[in-house]
Protein backbone atom coordinates (compact mmCIF):
# COMPACT_ATOMS: atom_id res chain seq x y z
CA MET A 1 6.06 12.25 -2.02
CA TYR A 2 4.50 10.26 -4.90
CA ALA A 3 5.83 6.45 -3.49
CA GLN A 4 3.04 5.20 -1.97
CA PRO A 5 0.45 5.83 -4.62
CA ALA A 6 3.54 5.00 -7.42
CA LEU A 7 4.33 1.51 -6.18
CA PHE A 8 -0.04 0.90 -5.68
CA VAL A 9 -0.05 1.71 -9.79
CA SER A 10 3.24 -0.44 -9.92
CA SER A 11 1.86 -3.02 -8.21
CA MET A 12 -1.83 -3.07 -10.03
CA ALA A 13 0.11 -3.39 -13.28
CA ALA A 14 1.28 -6.27 -12.31
CA VAL A 15 -1.63 -8.02 -11.25
CA GLU A 16 -3.21 -6.69 -14.72
CA LEU A 17 -0.53 -8.87 -16.62
CA PHE A 18 -1.01 -11.49 -14.17
CA LYS A 19 -4.60 -11.64 -14.89
CA GLN A 20 -3.63 -11.56 -18.96
CA THR A 21 -0.69 -14.40 -18.70
CA GLU A 22 -2.48 -16.52 -15.84
CA ALA A 23 -5.97 -16.13 -16.66
CA LYS A 24 -6.63 -20.03 -15.27
CA THR A 25 -5.14 -19.08 -12.55
CA VAL A 26 -6.66 -16.12 -11.41
CA SER A 27 -10.07 -17.86 -12.29
CA THR A 28 -9.09 -20.76 -9.58
CA ALA A 29 -8.13 -18.13 -6.85
CA SER A 30 -9.79 -18.78 -3.85
CA CYS A 31 -8.00 -15.85 -1.93
CA THR A 32 -5.33 -13.03 -2.34
CA ALA A 33 -3.27 -11.63 0.30
CA GLY A 34 -0.86 -8.33 0.63
CA LEU A 35 1.77 -6.87 2.92
CA SER A 36 1.38 -3.31 3.75
CA LEU A 37 0.44 -0.90 0.41
CA GLY A 38 -0.15 -4.64 -0.63
CA GLU A 39 -3.16 -5.43 0.94
CA TYR A 40 -5.16 -2.53 -0.87
CA THR A 41 -4.17 -4.26 -4.45
CA ALA A 42 -4.97 -7.70 -2.91
CA LEU A 43 -8.84 -5.75 -2.41
CA VAL A 44 -8.61 -4.39 -5.43
CA PHE A 45 -8.12 -7.90 -6.91
CA ALA A 46 -10.74 -9.55 -5.13
CA GLY A 47 -13.28 -6.85 -6.17
CA VAL A 48 -13.68 -5.80 -2.63
CA MET A 49 -12.44 -2.42 -3.41
CA SER A 50 -12.25 -0.01 -6.51
CA PHE A 51 -8.66 0.67 -7.84
CA LYS A 52 -10.11 4.58 -7.84
CA ASP A 53 -10.95 4.30 -3.81
CA ALA A 54 -7.46 2.25 -3.21
CA LEU A 55 -5.72 4.76 -4.93
CA LYS A 56 -7.46 8.06 -2.38
CA VAL A 57 -6.52 5.32 0.69
CA SER A 58 -2.79 4.74 -0.51
CA GLN A 59 -2.48 8.90 -1.23
CA ALA A 60 -4.36 8.99 2.12
CA LEU A 61 -1.72 6.84 3.91
CA LEU A 62 1.48 9.35 2.02
CA HIS A 63 -0.46 12.16 4.00
CA SER A 64 -0.59 11.02 7.49
CA LEU A 65 2.90 9.36 7.03
CA SER A 66 4.29 12.72 5.65
CA LEU A 67 2.80 14.75 8.57
CA SER A 68 4.10 12.27 10.92
CA LEU A 69 7.36 12.40 9.76
CA ALA A 70 6.91 16.34 9.89
CA ARG A 71 6.71 16.47 13.74
CA SER A 72 9.55 13.80 14.00
CA PRO A 73 11.90 11.23 11.54
CA LEU A 74 11.09 8.54 14.60
CA SER A 75 7.71 9.29 15.18
CA SER A 76 7.04 7.35 12.21
CA ILE A 77 8.52 3.52 14.20
CA GLY A 78 6.65 4.86 17.71
CA SER A 79 9.62 6.12 19.15
CA GLY A 80 10.54 9.83 19.71
CA PRO A 81 14.03 10.96 19.14
CA LYS A 82 14.48 11.28 23.50
CA ALA A 83 14.78 7.29 22.90
CA PHE A 84 17.94 7.55 21.64
CA THR A 85 19.57 10.34 22.75
CA GLY A 86 18.73 9.46 26.58
CA GLY A 87 16.94 12.65 27.38
């Protein structure tokens, strides 16, 4: 239930550690990138989105995913159960 926000907070902690240990690298970075939930970490790192807003988005993502899984565990990958049962 808390996996998405926890992953986001963990990734932000890693970014903060990176900022402290590699300040020169951070100050000369010209871009940021992330995959899936990491995209929000990259946006916060770049200063485009606040930590608070990104945390809200990660919580909304979790809520959306939980609603999808409540309908069908397979709906989250774009297929319903009929695709696998021949129905």
